[in-house]
Amino acid sequence: MTHPFHPWFGREFVFLAVRQTWSEDRVFFLDENARQFSLPVGWTDVVEPDVFVRMAAGRSPFGFADLVELRRLIDGLSG
């Protein structure tokens, strides 16, 4: 788990597969009790980090696409 704000940050799990579900790539894994879970692939080290994330090196928490999506969500709430 590489997402810095997730409570499982830094823990390692038994990898099962990467599948596209709910319109996104997700990592399926087993916890220490053999229960299956899934998380967005970007929250793990299964794939290389996004180019923006790598280049920003922690200096920018949001990419352009993230901010555009945030604006769309805010507009939806106020309209």
Protein backbone atom coordinates (compact mmCIF):
# COMPACT_ATOMS: atom_id res chain seq x y z
CA MET A 1 0.00 0.00 0.00
CA THR A 2 1.61 3.24 -1.13
CA HIS A 3 -1.25 5.75 -0.70
CA PRO A 4 0.10 8.01 2.08
CA PHE A 5 -3.28 8.68 3.73
CA HIS A 6 -4.61 5.12 3.72
CA PRO A 7 -4.57 3.36 7.13
CA TRP A 8 -2.84 0.36 5.51
CA PHE A 9 0.02 2.55 4.18
CA GLY A 10 3.29 0.61 4.14
CA ARG A 11 1.70 -2.81 4.64
CA GLU A 12 2.29 -5.65 2.20
CA PHE A 13 -0.36 -8.10 1.02
CA VAL A 14 -0.67 -11.25 -1.07
CA PHE A 15 -1.21 -10.13 -4.67
CA LEU A 16 -3.99 -11.86 -6.64
CA ALA A 17 -4.62 -9.91 -9.85
CA VAL A 18 -5.19 -6.58 -11.57
CA ARG A 19 -8.64 -6.24 -13.12
CA GLN A 20 -10.68 -3.42 -14.58
CA THR A 21 -13.82 -3.03 -12.49
CA TRP A 22 -16.03 -0.04 -11.73
CA SER A 23 -14.42 1.71 -14.74
CA GLU A 24 -10.93 1.66 -13.21
CA ASP A 25 -8.00 -0.70 -12.81
CA ARG A 26 -8.00 -2.29 -9.37
CA VAL A 27 -5.56 -4.53 -7.52
CA PHE A 28 -7.08 -7.57 -5.84
CA PHE A 29 -5.23 -8.99 -2.84
CA LEU A 30 -5.59 -11.03 0.35
CA ASP A 31 -5.08 -9.66 3.84
CA GLU A 32 -3.51 -11.60 6.72
CA ASN A 33 -6.86 -13.34 7.37
CA ALA A 34 -7.15 -14.47 3.72
CA ARG A 35 -9.98 -11.99 3.04
CA GLN A 36 -10.07 -10.57 -0.47
CA PHE A 37 -10.00 -6.82 -1.02
CA SER A 38 -9.42 -4.49 -3.94
CA LEU A 39 -8.00 -0.99 -4.24
CA PRO A 40 -7.30 1.41 -7.10
CA VAL A 41 -4.07 0.38 -8.82
CA GLY A 42 -2.65 3.88 -8.22
CA TRP A 43 -2.65 3.30 -4.47
CA THR A 44 -0.18 0.43 -4.83
CA ASP A 45 3.26 -0.27 -6.25
CA VAL A 46 1.90 -2.75 -8.81
CA VAL A 47 2.45 -0.28 -11.66
CA GLU A 48 4.99 2.49 -12.18
CA PRO A 49 3.94 5.82 -10.65
CA ASP A 50 2.18 8.30 -12.89
CA VAL A 51 4.68 10.56 -14.70
CA PHE A 52 3.22 13.68 -13.04
CA VAL A 53 3.47 12.13 -9.56
CA ARG A 54 7.07 11.11 -10.19
CA MET A 55 8.10 14.51 -11.59
CA ALA A 56 6.27 16.51 -8.90
CA ALA A 57 8.11 14.49 -6.21
CA GLY A 58 5.58 15.49 -3.55
CA ARG A 59 5.62 19.19 -4.39
CA SER A 60 2.13 19.21 -5.91
CA PRO A 61 -0.71 17.08 -4.54
CA PHE A 62 -2.96 17.66 -7.58
CA GLY A 63 -2.51 17.28 -11.30
CA PHE A 64 -4.39 19.31 -13.89
CA ALA A 65 -6.89 16.49 -14.56
CA ASP A 66 -7.54 16.18 -10.80
CA LEU A 67 -8.37 19.88 -10.55
CA VAL A 68 -10.64 19.78 -13.61
CA GLU A 69 -12.53 16.83 -12.08
CA LEU A 70 -12.77 18.64 -8.73
CA ARG A 71 -14.24 21.69 -10.47
CA ARG A 72 -16.77 19.47 -12.26
CA LEU A 73 -17.82 17.92 -8.94
CA ILE A 74 -18.13 21.30 -7.22
CA ASP A 75 -20.19 22.68 -10.11
CA GLY A 76 -22.47 19.65 -9.80
CA LEU A 77 -23.05 20.35 -6.11
CA SER A 78 -23.90 24.01 -6.59
CA GLY A 79 -26.14 23.53 -9.63
